[in-house]
Amino acid sequence: IAKNISEIELEKIQFTGSVTRITTEKDPLNNWADRLGGVYL
């Protein structure tokens, strides 16, 4: 867990790409993850 999250956060600092996230308004996955502070790009 520590290794995975550390790598993600370090690489986020250097990331310059474009990520487009398209979500439906009533999507339970994203609504649930957003409430719990889910980390996206």
PDB file of all heavy atoms in Angstrom:
ATOM      1  N   ILE A   1       0.830  -1.202   0.000  1.00  0.00           N
ATOM      2  CA  ILE A   1       0.000   0.000   0.000  1.00  0.00           C
ATOM      3  C   ILE A   1       0.869   1.259   0.000  1.00  0.00           C
ATOM      4  O   ILE A   1       0.661   2.181  -0.795  1.00  0.00           O
ATOM      5  CB  ILE A   1      -0.954   0.002   1.208  1.00  0.00           C
ATOM      6  CG1 ILE A   1      -1.975  -1.126   1.081  1.00  0.00           C
ATOM      7  CG2 ILE A   1      -1.655   1.354   1.338  1.00  0.00           C
ATOM      8  CD1 ILE A   1      -2.826  -1.333   2.316  1.00  0.00           C
ATOM      9  N   ALA A   2       1.839   1.298   0.886  1.00  0.00           N
ATOM     10  CA  ALA A   2       2.717   2.466   1.004  1.00  0.00           C
ATOM     11  C   ALA A   2       3.493   2.703  -0.288  1.00  0.00           C
ATOM     12  O   ALA A   2       3.633   3.845  -0.750  1.00  0.00           O
ATOM     13  CB  ALA A   2       3.674   2.286   2.180  1.00  0.00           C
ATOM     14  N   LYS A   3       4.008   1.630  -0.883  1.00  0.00           N
ATOM     15  CA  LYS A   3       4.797   1.742  -2.112  1.00  0.00           C
ATOM     16  C   LYS A   3       3.931   2.255  -3.271  1.00  0.00           C
ATOM     17  O   LYS A   3       4.342   3.159  -4.000  1.00  0.00           O
ATOM     18  CB  LYS A   3       5.402   0.385  -2.470  1.00  0.00           C
ATOM     19  CG  LYS A   3       6.281   0.367  -3.724  1.00  0.00           C
ATOM     20  CD  LYS A   3       6.917  -1.007  -3.912  1.00  0.00           C
ATOM     21  CE  LYS A   3       7.832  -1.035  -5.136  1.00  0.00           C
ATOM     22  NZ  LYS A   3       7.073  -0.868  -6.390  1.00  0.00           N
ATOM     23  N   ASN A   4       2.741   1.687  -3.416  1.00  0.00           N
ATOM     24  CA  ASN A   4       1.854   2.065  -4.515  1.00  0.00           C
ATOM     25  C   ASN A   4       1.448   3.527  -4.430  1.00  0.00           C
ATOM     26  O   ASN A   4       1.541   4.273  -5.409  1.00  0.00           O
ATOM     27  CB  ASN A   4       0.609   1.170  -4.505  1.00  0.00           C
ATOM     28  CG  ASN A   4      -0.377   1.508  -5.612  1.00  0.00           C
ATOM     29  OD1 ASN A   4      -0.015   1.658  -6.767  1.00  0.00           O
ATOM     30  ND2 ASN A   4      -1.645   1.644  -5.241  1.00  0.00           N
ATOM     31  N   ILE A   5       1.012   3.957  -3.263  1.00  0.00           N
ATOM     32  CA  ILE A   5       0.542   5.331  -3.103  1.00  0.00           C
ATOM     33  C   ILE A   5       1.695   6.319  -3.239  1.00  0.00           C
ATOM     34  O   ILE A   5       1.549   7.389  -3.841  1.00  0.00           O
ATOM     35  CB  ILE A   5      -0.168   5.497  -1.750  1.00  0.00           C
ATOM     36  CG1 ILE A   5      -1.463   4.685  -1.764  1.00  0.00           C
ATOM     37  CG2 ILE A   5      -0.455   6.965  -1.456  1.00  0.00           C
ATOM     38  CD1 ILE A   5      -2.226   4.716  -0.473  1.00  0.00           C
ATOM     39  N   SER A   6       2.864   5.973  -2.703  1.00  0.00           N
ATOM     40  CA  SER A   6       4.029   6.843  -2.818  1.00  0.00           C
ATOM     41  C   SER A   6       4.411   7.056  -4.281  1.00  0.00           C
ATOM     42  O   SER A   6       4.694   8.185  -4.702  1.00  0.00           O
ATOM     43  CB  SER A   6       5.206   6.235  -2.049  1.00  0.00           C
ATOM     44  OG  SER A   6       6.363   6.969  -2.233  1.00  0.00           O
ATOM     45  N   GLU A   7       4.399   5.990  -5.067  1.00  0.00           N
ATOM     46  CA  GLU A   7       4.738   6.095  -6.492  1.00  0.00           C
ATOM     47  C   GLU A   7       3.715   6.944  -7.240  1.00  0.00           C
ATOM     48  O   GLU A   7       4.082   7.771  -8.085  1.00  0.00           O
ATOM     49  CB  GLU A   7       4.829   4.701  -7.106  1.00  0.00           C
ATOM     50  CG  GLU A   7       6.049   3.900  -6.657  1.00  0.00           C
ATOM     51  CD  GLU A   7       6.076   2.499  -7.225  1.00  0.00           C
ATOM     52  OE1 GLU A   7       5.059   2.085  -7.837  1.00  0.00           O
ATOM     53  OE2 GLU A   7       7.114   1.806  -7.063  1.00  0.00           O
ATOM     54  N   ILE A   8       2.443   6.743  -6.948  1.00  0.00           N
ATOM     55  CA  ILE A   8       1.396   7.521  -7.603  1.00  0.00           C
ATOM     56  C   ILE A   8       1.560   9.007  -7.319  1.00  0.00           C
ATOM     57  O   ILE A   8       1.532   9.837  -8.232  1.00  0.00           O
ATOM     58  CB  ILE A   8      -0.004   7.029  -7.161  1.00  0.00           C
ATOM     59  CG1 ILE A   8      -0.308   5.665  -7.776  1.00  0.00           C
ATOM     60  CG2 ILE A   8      -1.087   8.041  -7.552  1.00  0.00           C
ATOM     61  CD1 ILE A   8      -1.585   5.033  -7.276  1.00  0.00           C
ATOM     62  N   GLU A   9       1.726   9.357  -6.055  1.00  0.00           N
ATOM     63  CA  GLU A   9       1.823  10.761  -5.689  1.00  0.00           C
ATOM     64  C   GLU A   9       3.087  11.413  -6.256  1.00  0.00           C
ATOM     65  O   GLU A   9       3.062  12.578  -6.650  1.00  0.00           O
ATOM     66  CB  GLU A   9       1.786  10.906  -4.162  1.00  0.00           C
ATOM     67  CG  GLU A   9       0.440  10.544  -3.548  1.00  0.00           C
ATOM     68  CD  GLU A   9      -0.695  11.382  -4.112  1.00  0.00           C
ATOM     69  OE1 GLU A   9      -0.485  12.591  -4.360  1.00  0.00           O
ATOM     70  OE2 GLU A   9      -1.792  10.839  -4.320  1.00  0.00           O
ATOM     71  N   LEU A  10       4.189  10.691  -6.316  1.00  0.00           N
ATOM     72  CA  LEU A  10       5.426  11.229  -6.886  1.00  0.00           C
ATOM     73  C   LEU A  10       5.266  11.455  -8.389  1.00  0.00           C
ATOM     74  O   LEU A  10       5.668  12.499  -8.911  1.00  0.00           O
ATOM     75  CB  LEU A  10       6.592  10.270  -6.611  1.00  0.00           C
ATOM     76  CG  LEU A  10       7.967  10.699  -7.157  1.00  0.00           C
ATOM     77  CD1 LEU A  10       8.409  12.013  -6.520  1.00  0.00           C
ATOM     78  CD2 LEU A  10       9.018   9.617  -6.892  1.00  0.00           C
ATOM     79  N   GLU A  11       4.676  10.492  -9.088  1.00  0.00           N
ATOM     80  CA  GLU A  11       4.507  10.603 -10.533  1.00  0.00           C
ATOM     81  C   GLU A  11       3.483  11.663 -10.910  1.00  0.00           C
ATOM     82  O   GLU A  11       3.580  12.265 -11.984  1.00  0.00           O
ATOM     83  CB  GLU A  11       4.125   9.247 -11.119  1.00  0.00           C
ATOM     84  CG  GLU A  11       5.264   8.224 -11.059  1.00  0.00           C
ATOM     85  CD  GLU A  11       4.833   6.803 -11.383  1.00  0.00           C
ATOM     86  OE1 GLU A  11       3.676   6.622 -11.824  1.00  0.00           O
ATOM     87  OE2 GLU A  11       5.626   5.862 -11.184  1.00  0.00           O
ATOM     88  N   LYS A  12       2.519  11.917 -10.031  1.00  0.00           N
ATOM     89  CA  LYS A  12       1.530  12.959 -10.298  1.00  0.00           C
ATOM     90  C   LYS A  12       2.184  14.333 -10.407  1.00  0.00           C
ATOM     91  O   LYS A  12       1.747  15.177 -11.194  1.00  0.00           O
ATOM     92  CB  LYS A  12       0.464  12.986  -9.194  1.00  0.00           C
ATOM     93  CG  LYS A  12      -0.625  11.934  -9.347  1.00  0.00           C
ATOM     94  CD  LYS A  12      -1.546  11.917  -8.142  1.00  0.00           C
ATOM     95  CE  LYS A  12      -2.255  13.244  -7.963  1.00  0.00           C
ATOM     96  NZ  LYS A  12      -3.139  13.248  -6.760  1.00  0.00           N
ATOM     97  N   ILE A  13       3.227  14.563  -9.632  1.00  0.00           N
ATOM     98  CA  ILE A  13       3.922  15.846  -9.648  1.00  0.00           C
ATOM     99  C   ILE A  13       4.547  16.111 -11.016  1.00  0.00           C
ATOM    100  O   ILE A  13       4.587  17.245 -11.498  1.00  0.00           O
ATOM    101  CB  ILE A  13       5.006  15.884  -8.548  1.00  0.00           C
ATOM    102  CG1 ILE A  13       4.359  15.724  -7.164  1.00  0.00           C
ATOM    103  CG2 ILE A  13       5.811  17.169  -8.615  1.00  0.00           C
ATOM    104  CD1 ILE A  13       5.364  15.576  -6.025  1.00  0.00           C
ATOM    105  N   GLN A  14       5.022  15.060 -11.664  1.00  0.00           N
ATOM    106  CA  GLN A  14       5.728  15.194 -12.929  1.00  0.00           C
ATOM    107  C   GLN A  14       4.835  14.952 -14.152  1.00  0.00           C
ATOM    108  O   GLN A  14       5.287  15.075 -15.275  1.00  0.00           O
ATOM    109  CB  GLN A  14       6.903  14.209 -12.953  1.00  0.00           C
ATOM    110  CG  GLN A  14       7.870  14.381 -11.785  1.00  0.00           C
ATOM    111  CD  GLN A  14       8.859  13.244 -11.657  1.00  0.00           C
ATOM    112  OE1 GLN A  14       8.752  12.224 -12.321  1.00  0.00           O
ATOM    113  NE2 GLN A  14       9.850  13.401 -10.775  1.00  0.00           N
ATOM    114  N   PHE A  15       3.581  14.648 -13.938  1.00  0.00           N
ATOM    115  CA  PHE A  15       2.692  14.276 -15.028  1.00  0.00           C
ATOM    116  C   PHE A  15       2.263  15.501 -15.833  1.00  0.00           C
ATOM    117  O   PHE A  15       1.807  16.501 -15.280  1.00  0.00           O
ATOM    118  CB  PHE A  15       1.455  13.565 -14.477  1.00  0.00           C
ATOM    119  CG  PHE A  15       0.502  13.078 -15.531  1.00  0.00           C
ATOM    120  CD1 PHE A  15       0.868  12.057 -16.381  1.00  0.00           C
ATOM    121  CD2 PHE A  15      -0.758  13.638 -15.669  1.00  0.00           C
ATOM    122  CE1 PHE A  15      -0.005  11.597 -17.358  1.00  0.00           C
ATOM    123  CE2 PHE A  15      -1.636  13.189 -16.634  1.00  0.00           C
ATOM    124  CZ  PHE A  15      -1.259  12.163 -17.485  1.00  0.00           C
ATOM    125  N   THR A  16       2.394  15.422 -17.157  1.00  0.00           N
ATOM    126  CA  THR A  16       2.026  16.535 -18.044  1.00  0.00           C
ATOM    127  C   THR A  16       0.996  16.135 -19.096  1.00  0.00           C
ATOM    128  O   THR A  16       0.637  16.944 -19.949  1.00  0.00           O
ATOM    129  CB  THR A  16       3.263  17.097 -18.760  1.00  0.00           C
ATOM    130  OG1 THR A  16       3.884  16.053 -19.543  1.00  0.00           O
ATOM    131  CG2 THR A  16       4.281  17.633 -17.759  1.00  0.00           C
ATOM    132  N   GLY A  17       0.540  14.892 -19.064  1.00  0.00           N
ATOM    133  CA  GLY A  17      -0.406  14.414 -20.056  1.00  0.00           C
ATOM    134  C   GLY A  17      -1.815  14.937 -19.823  1.00  0.00           C
ATOM    135  O   GLY A  17      -2.108  15.609 -18.833  1.00  0.00           O
ATOM    136  N   SER A  18      -2.690  14.622 -20.772  1.00  0.00           N
ATOM    137  CA  SER A  18      -4.090  15.027 -20.692  1.00  0.00           C
ATOM    138  C   SER A  18      -4.956  13.808 -20.414  1.00  0.00           C
ATOM    139  O   SER A  18      -4.892  12.815 -21.139  1.00  0.00           O
ATOM    140  CB  SER A  18      -4.527  15.672 -22.006  1.00  0.00           C
ATOM    141  OG  SER A  18      -5.935  15.824 -22.059  1.00  0.00           O
ATOM    142  N   VAL A  19      -5.778  13.890 -19.362  1.00  0.00           N
ATOM    143  CA  VAL A  19      -6.709  12.813 -19.029  1.00  0.00           C
ATOM    144  C   VAL A  19      -8.118  13.391 -18.979  1.00  0.00           C
ATOM    145  O   VAL A  19      -8.395  14.310 -18.206  1.00  0.00           O
ATOM    146  CB  VAL A  19      -6.368  12.157 -17.678  1.00  0.00           C
ATOM    147  CG1 VAL A  19      -7.413  11.087 -17.340  1.00  0.00           C
ATOM    148  CG2 VAL A  19      -4.979  11.535 -17.717  1.00  0.00           C
ATOM    149  N   THR A  20      -8.998  12.861 -19.802  1.00  0.00           N
ATOM    150  CA  THR A  20     -10.395  13.269 -19.832  1.00  0.00           C
ATOM    151  C   THR A  20     -11.231  12.161 -19.202  1.00  0.00           C
ATOM    152  O   THR A  20     -11.265  11.039 -19.695  1.00  0.00           O
ATOM    153  CB  THR A  20     -10.862  13.517 -21.276  1.00  0.00           C
ATOM    154  OG1 THR A  20     -10.069  14.560 -21.865  1.00  0.00           O
ATOM    155  CG2 THR A  20     -12.331  13.922 -21.309  1.00  0.00           C
ATOM    156  N   ARG A  21     -11.899  12.477 -18.097  1.00  0.00           N
ATOM    157  CA  ARG A  21     -12.766  11.508 -17.424  1.00  0.00           C
ATOM    158  C   ARG A  21     -14.221  11.872 -17.696  1.00  0.00           C
ATOM    159  O   ARG A  21     -14.699  12.922 -17.290  1.00  0.00           O
ATOM    160  CB  ARG A  21     -12.517  11.510 -15.905  1.00  0.00           C
ATOM    161  CG  ARG A  21     -11.100  11.199 -15.516  1.00  0.00           C
ATOM    162  CD  ARG A  21     -10.875  10.971 -14.052  1.00  0.00           C
ATOM    163  NE  ARG A  21     -11.823  11.489 -13.143  1.00  0.00           N
ATOM    164  CZ  ARG A  21     -11.698  12.622 -12.431  1.00  0.00           C
ATOM    165  NH1 ARG A  21     -10.583  13.352 -12.585  1.00  0.00           N
ATOM    166  NH2 ARG A  21     -12.619  13.025 -11.600  1.00  0.00           N
ATOM    167  N   ILE A  22     -14.929  10.986 -18.385  1.00  0.00           N
ATOM    168  CA  ILE A  22     -16.329  11.205 -18.719  1.00  0.00           C
ATOM    169  C   ILE A  22     -17.175  10.303 -17.834  1.00  0.00           C
ATOM    170  O   ILE A  22     -17.039   9.080 -17.863  1.00  0.00           O
ATOM    171  CB  ILE A  22     -16.589  10.923 -20.210  1.00  0.00           C
ATOM    172  CG1 ILE A  22     -15.742  11.869 -21.075  1.00  0.00           C
ATOM    173  CG2 ILE A  22     -18.064  11.077 -20.543  1.00  0.00           C
ATOM    174  CD1 ILE A  22     -15.840  11.590 -22.570  1.00  0.00           C
ATOM    175  N   THR A  23     -18.057  10.922 -17.041  1.00  0.00           N
ATOM    176  CA  THR A  23     -18.857  10.145 -16.102  1.00  0.00           C
ATOM    177  C   THR A  23     -20.334  10.476 -16.249  1.00  0.00           C
ATOM    178  O   THR A  23     -20.711  11.597 -16.593  1.00  0.00           O
ATOM    179  CB  THR A  23     -18.438  10.399 -14.643  1.00  0.00           C
ATOM    180  OG1 THR A  23     -18.669  11.780 -14.307  1.00  0.00           O
ATOM    181  CG2 THR A  23     -16.966  10.097 -14.441  1.00  0.00           C
ATOM    182  N   THR A  24     -21.156   9.499 -15.988  1.00  0.00           N
ATOM    183  CA  THR A  24     -22.597   9.712 -15.954  1.00  0.00           C
ATOM    184  C   THR A  24     -22.998  10.235 -14.585  1.00  0.00           C
ATOM    185  O   THR A  24     -22.382   9.901 -13.571  1.00  0.00           O
ATOM    186  CB  THR A  24     -23.350   8.406 -16.256  1.00  0.00           C
ATOM    187  OG1 THR A  24     -22.767   7.341 -15.492  1.00  0.00           O
ATOM    188  CG2 THR A  24     -23.252   8.059 -17.734  1.00  0.00           C
ATOM    189  N   GLU A  25     -24.030  11.048 -14.564  1.00  0.00           N
ATOM    190  CA  GLU A  25     -24.402  11.756 -13.338  1.00  0.00           C
ATOM    191  C   GLU A  25     -24.779  10.812 -12.202  1.00  0.00           C
ATOM    192  O   GLU A  25     -24.485  11.066 -11.038  1.00  0.00           O
ATOM    193  CB  GLU A  25     -25.565  12.708 -13.627  1.00  0.00           C
ATOM    194  CG  GLU A  25     -25.929  13.607 -12.455  1.00  0.00           C
ATOM    195  CD  GLU A  25     -26.984  14.626 -12.807  1.00  0.00           C
ATOM    196  OE1 GLU A  25     -27.708  14.414 -13.799  1.00  0.00           O
ATOM    197  OE2 GLU A  25     -27.088  15.649 -12.126  1.00  0.00           O
ATOM    198  N   LYS A  26     -25.439   9.695 -12.529  1.00  0.00           N
ATOM    199  CA  LYS A  26     -25.918   8.785 -11.495  1.00  0.00           C
ATOM    200  C   LYS A  26     -25.029   7.561 -11.338  1.00  0.00           C
ATOM    201  O   LYS A  26     -25.465   6.540 -10.789  1.00  0.00           O
ATOM    202  CB  LYS A  26     -27.348   8.354 -11.825  1.00  0.00           C
ATOM    203  CG  LYS A  26     -28.336   9.518 -11.827  1.00  0.00           C
ATOM    204  CD  LYS A  26     -29.740   9.057 -12.196  1.00  0.00           C
ATOM    205  CE  LYS A  26     -30.709  10.237 -12.227  1.00  0.00           C
ATOM    206  NZ  LYS A  26     -32.078   9.823 -12.636  1.00  0.00           N
ATOM    207  N   ASP A  27     -23.783   7.658 -11.789  1.00  0.00           N
ATOM    208  CA  ASP A  27     -22.858   6.541 -11.648  1.00  0.00           C
ATOM    209  C   ASP A  27     -22.556   6.298 -10.174  1.00  0.00           C
ATOM    210  O   ASP A  27     -21.927   7.133  -9.526  1.00  0.00           O
ATOM    211  CB  ASP A  27     -21.562   6.831 -12.414  1.00  0.00           C
ATOM    212  CG  ASP A  27     -20.495   5.765 -12.172  1.00  0.00           C
ATOM    213  OD1 ASP A  27     -20.858   4.612 -11.850  1.00  0.00           O
ATOM    214  OD2 ASP A  27     -19.302   6.082 -12.302  1.00  0.00           O
ATOM    215  N   PRO A  28     -22.966   5.167  -9.608  1.00  0.00           N
ATOM    216  CA  PRO A  28     -22.754   4.928  -8.174  1.00  0.00           C
ATOM    217  C   PRO A  28     -21.283   4.793  -7.806  1.00  0.00           C
ATOM    218  O   PRO A  28     -20.882   5.170  -6.702  1.00  0.00           O
ATOM    219  CB  PRO A  28     -23.516   3.625  -7.908  1.00  0.00           C
ATOM    220  CG  PRO A  28     -23.602   2.951  -9.240  1.00  0.00           C
ATOM    221  CD  PRO A  28     -23.699   4.055 -10.246  1.00  0.00           C
ATOM    222  N   LEU A  29     -20.453   4.248  -8.738  1.00  0.00           N
ATOM    223  CA  LEU A  29     -19.037   4.072  -8.440  1.00  0.00           C
ATOM    224  C   LEU A  29     -18.364   5.402  -8.163  1.00  0.00           C
ATOM    225  O   LEU A  29     -17.703   5.581  -7.130  1.00  0.00           O
ATOM    226  CB  LEU A  29     -18.335   3.363  -9.599  1.00  0.00           C
ATOM    227  CG  LEU A  29     -16.791   3.318  -9.505  1.00  0.00           C
ATOM    228  CD1 LEU A  29     -16.346   2.486  -8.319  1.00  0.00           C
ATOM    229  CD2 LEU A  29     -16.184   2.772 -10.801  1.00  0.00           C
ATOM    230  N   ASN A  30     -18.516   6.360  -9.083  1.00  0.00           N
ATOM    231  CA  ASN A  30     -17.860   7.649  -8.903  1.00  0.00           C
ATOM    232  C   ASN A  30     -18.486   8.463  -7.781  1.00  0.00           C
ATOM    233  O   ASN A  30     -17.777   9.162  -7.047  1.00  0.00           O
ATOM    234  CB  ASN A  30     -17.886   8.434 -10.219  1.00  0.00           C
ATOM    235  CG  ASN A  30     -16.795   8.001 -11.174  1.00  0.00           C
ATOM    236  OD1 ASN A  30     -15.656   8.416 -11.059  1.00  0.00           O
ATOM    237  ND2 ASN A  30     -17.155   7.137 -12.121  1.00  0.00           N
ATOM    238  N   ASN A  31     -19.808   8.386  -7.640  1.00  0.00           N
ATOM    239  CA  ASN A  31     -20.452   9.107  -6.544  1.00  0.00           C
ATOM    240  C   ASN A  31     -19.954   8.598  -5.191  1.00  0.00           C
ATOM    241  O   ASN A  31     -19.713   9.380  -4.263  1.00  0.00           O
ATOM    242  CB  ASN A  31     -21.967   8.973  -6.645  1.00  0.00           C
ATOM    243  CG  ASN A  31     -22.535   9.726  -7.839  1.00  0.00           C
ATOM    244  OD1 ASN A  31     -21.936  10.691  -8.305  1.00  0.00           O
ATOM    245  ND2 ASN A  31     -23.686   9.297  -8.347  1.00  0.00           N
ATOM    246  N   TRP A  32     -19.801   7.306  -5.081  1.00  0.00           N
ATOM    247  CA  TRP A  32     -19.301   6.697  -3.847  1.00  0.00           C
ATOM    248  C   TRP A  32     -17.834   7.047  -3.627  1.00  0.00           C
ATOM    249  O   TRP A  32     -17.427   7.438  -2.529  1.00  0.00           O
ATOM    250  CB  TRP A  32     -19.500   5.189  -3.919  1.00  0.00           C
ATOM    251  CG  TRP A  32     -18.875   4.414  -2.791  1.00  0.00           C
ATOM    252  CD1 TRP A  32     -19.357   4.265  -1.531  1.00  0.00           C
ATOM    253  CD2 TRP A  32     -17.660   3.660  -2.843  1.00  0.00           C
ATOM    254  NE1 TRP A  32     -18.518   3.473  -0.794  1.00  0.00           N
ATOM    255  CE2 TRP A  32     -17.470   3.084  -1.569  1.00  0.00           C
ATOM    256  CE3 TRP A  32     -16.726   3.408  -3.841  1.00  0.00           C
ATOM    257  CZ2 TRP A  32     -16.359   2.289  -1.270  1.00  0.00           C
ATOM    258  CZ3 TRP A  32     -15.620   2.618  -3.541  1.00  0.00           C
ATOM    259  CH2 TRP A  32     -15.452   2.069  -2.270  1.00  0.00           C
ATOM    260  N   ALA A  33     -17.020   6.910  -4.687  1.00  0.00           N
ATOM    261  CA  ALA A  33     -15.591   7.189  -4.571  1.00  0.00           C
ATOM    262  C   ALA A  33     -15.322   8.661  -4.260  1.00  0.00           C
ATOM    263  O   ALA A  33     -14.412   8.993  -3.497  1.00  0.00           O
ATOM    264  CB  ALA A  33     -14.867   6.772  -5.849  1.00  0.00           C
ATOM    265  N   ASP A  34     -16.138   9.557  -4.859  1.00  0.00           N
ATOM    266  CA  ASP A  34     -15.978  10.983  -4.585  1.00  0.00           C
ATOM    267  C   ASP A  34     -16.237  11.298  -3.116  1.00  0.00           C
ATOM    268  O   ASP A  34     -15.531  12.111  -2.505  1.00  0.00           O
ATOM    269  CB  ASP A  34     -16.912  11.799  -5.465  1.00  0.00           C
ATOM    270  CG  ASP A  34     -16.475  11.839  -6.925  1.00  0.00           C
ATOM    271  OD1 ASP A  34     -15.313  11.495  -7.197  1.00  0.00           O
ATOM    272  OD2 ASP A  34     -17.305  12.199  -7.786  1.00  0.00           O
ATOM    273  N   ARG A  35     -17.253  10.665  -2.557  1.00  0.00           N
ATOM    274  CA  ARG A  35     -17.578  10.896  -1.150  1.00  0.00           C
ATOM    275  C   ARG A  35     -16.432  10.460  -0.245  1.00  0.00           C
ATOM    276  O   ARG A  35     -16.219  11.031   0.828  1.00  0.00           O
ATOM    277  CB  ARG A  35     -18.856  10.129  -0.779  1.00  0.00           C
ATOM    278  CG  ARG A  35     -20.121  10.644  -1.440  1.00  0.00           C
ATOM    279  CD  ARG A  35     -20.645  11.895  -0.780  1.00  0.00           C
ATOM    280  NE  ARG A  35     -21.096  11.688   0.585  1.00  0.00           N
ATOM    281  CZ  ARG A  35     -22.342  11.339   0.920  1.00  0.00           C
ATOM    282  NH1 ARG A  35     -23.243  11.140  -0.032  1.00  0.00           N
ATOM    283  NH2 ARG A  35     -22.687  11.201   2.186  1.00  0.00           N
ATOM    284  N   LEU A  36     -15.663   9.462  -0.687  1.00  0.00           N
ATOM    285  CA  LEU A  36     -14.561   8.943   0.112  1.00  0.00           C
ATOM    286  C   LEU A  36     -13.209   9.543  -0.274  1.00  0.00           C
ATOM    287  O   LEU A  36     -12.172   9.095   0.194  1.00  0.00           O
ATOM    288  CB  LEU A  36     -14.502   7.416  -0.022  1.00  0.00           C
ATOM    289  CG  LEU A  36     -15.712   6.646   0.534  1.00  0.00           C
ATOM    290  CD1 LEU A  36     -15.555   5.159   0.275  1.00  0.00           C
ATOM    291  CD2 LEU A  36     -15.902   6.922   2.026  1.00  0.00           C
ATOM    292  N   GLY A  37     -13.239  10.582  -1.145  1.00  0.00           N
ATOM    293  CA  GLY A  37     -11.994  11.262  -1.512  1.00  0.00           C
ATOM    294  C   GLY A  37     -11.143  10.530  -2.521  1.00  0.00           C
ATOM    295  O   GLY A  37      -9.908  10.653  -2.510  1.00  0.00           O
ATOM    296  N   GLY A  38     -11.765   9.728  -3.410  1.00  0.00           N
ATOM    297  CA  GLY A  38     -11.019   8.972  -4.413  1.00  0.00           C
ATOM    298  C   GLY A  38     -10.067   9.848  -5.219  1.00  0.00           C
ATOM    299  O   GLY A  38     -10.395  10.975  -5.581  1.00  0.00           O
ATOM    300  N   VAL A  39      -8.886   9.330  -5.500  1.00  0.00           N
ATOM    301  CA  VAL A  39      -7.845  10.079  -6.209  1.00  0.00           C
ATOM    302  C   VAL A  39      -7.861   9.714  -7.693  1.00  0.00           C
ATOM    303  O   VAL A  39      -7.757   8.536  -8.056  1.00  0.00           O
ATOM    304  CB  VAL A  39      -6.456   9.790  -5.606  1.00  0.00           C
ATOM    305  CG1 VAL A  39      -5.355  10.501  -6.396  1.00  0.00           C
ATOM    306  CG2 VAL A  39      -6.430  10.229  -4.138  1.00  0.00           C
ATOM    307  N   TYR A  40      -7.972  10.728  -8.546  1.00  0.00           N
ATOM    308  CA  TYR A  40      -8.028  10.542  -9.990  1.00  0.00           C
ATOM    309  C   TYR A  40      -6.977  11.404 -10.677  1.00  0.00           C
ATOM    310  O   TYR A  40      -6.327  12.248 -10.050  1.00  0.00           O
ATOM    311  CB  TYR A  40      -9.399  10.937 -10.547  1.00  0.00           C
ATOM    312  CG  TYR A  40     -10.584  10.148 -10.033  1.00  0.00           C
ATOM    313  CD1 TYR A  40     -11.230  10.507  -8.854  1.00  0.00           C
ATOM    314  CD2 TYR A  40     -11.085   9.072 -10.752  1.00  0.00           C
ATOM    315  CE1 TYR A  40     -12.332   9.802  -8.397  1.00  0.00           C
ATOM    316  CE2 TYR A  40     -12.194   8.376 -10.312  1.00  0.00           C
ATOM    317  CZ  TYR A  40     -12.809   8.738  -9.134  1.00  0.00           C
ATOM    318  OH  TYR A  40     -13.902   8.048  -8.694  1.00  0.00           O
ATOM    319  N   LEU A  41      -6.877  11.228 -11.992  1.00  0.00           N
ATOM    320  CA  LEU A  41      -6.093  12.112 -12.847  1.00  0.00           C
ATOM    321  C   LEU A  41      -7.023  12.918 -13.741  1.00  0.00           C
ATOM    322  O   LEU A  41      -8.124  12.481 -14.064  1.00  0.00           O
ATOM    323  CB  LEU A  41      -5.136  11.322 -13.743  1.00  0.00           C
ATOM    324  CG  LEU A  41      -3.925  10.650 -13.130  1.00  0.00           C
ATOM    325  CD1 LEU A  41      -3.103   9.996 -14.243  1.00  0.00           C
ATOM    326  CD2 LEU A  41      -3.073  11.623 -12.344  1.00  0.00           C
TER     327      LEU A  41
END
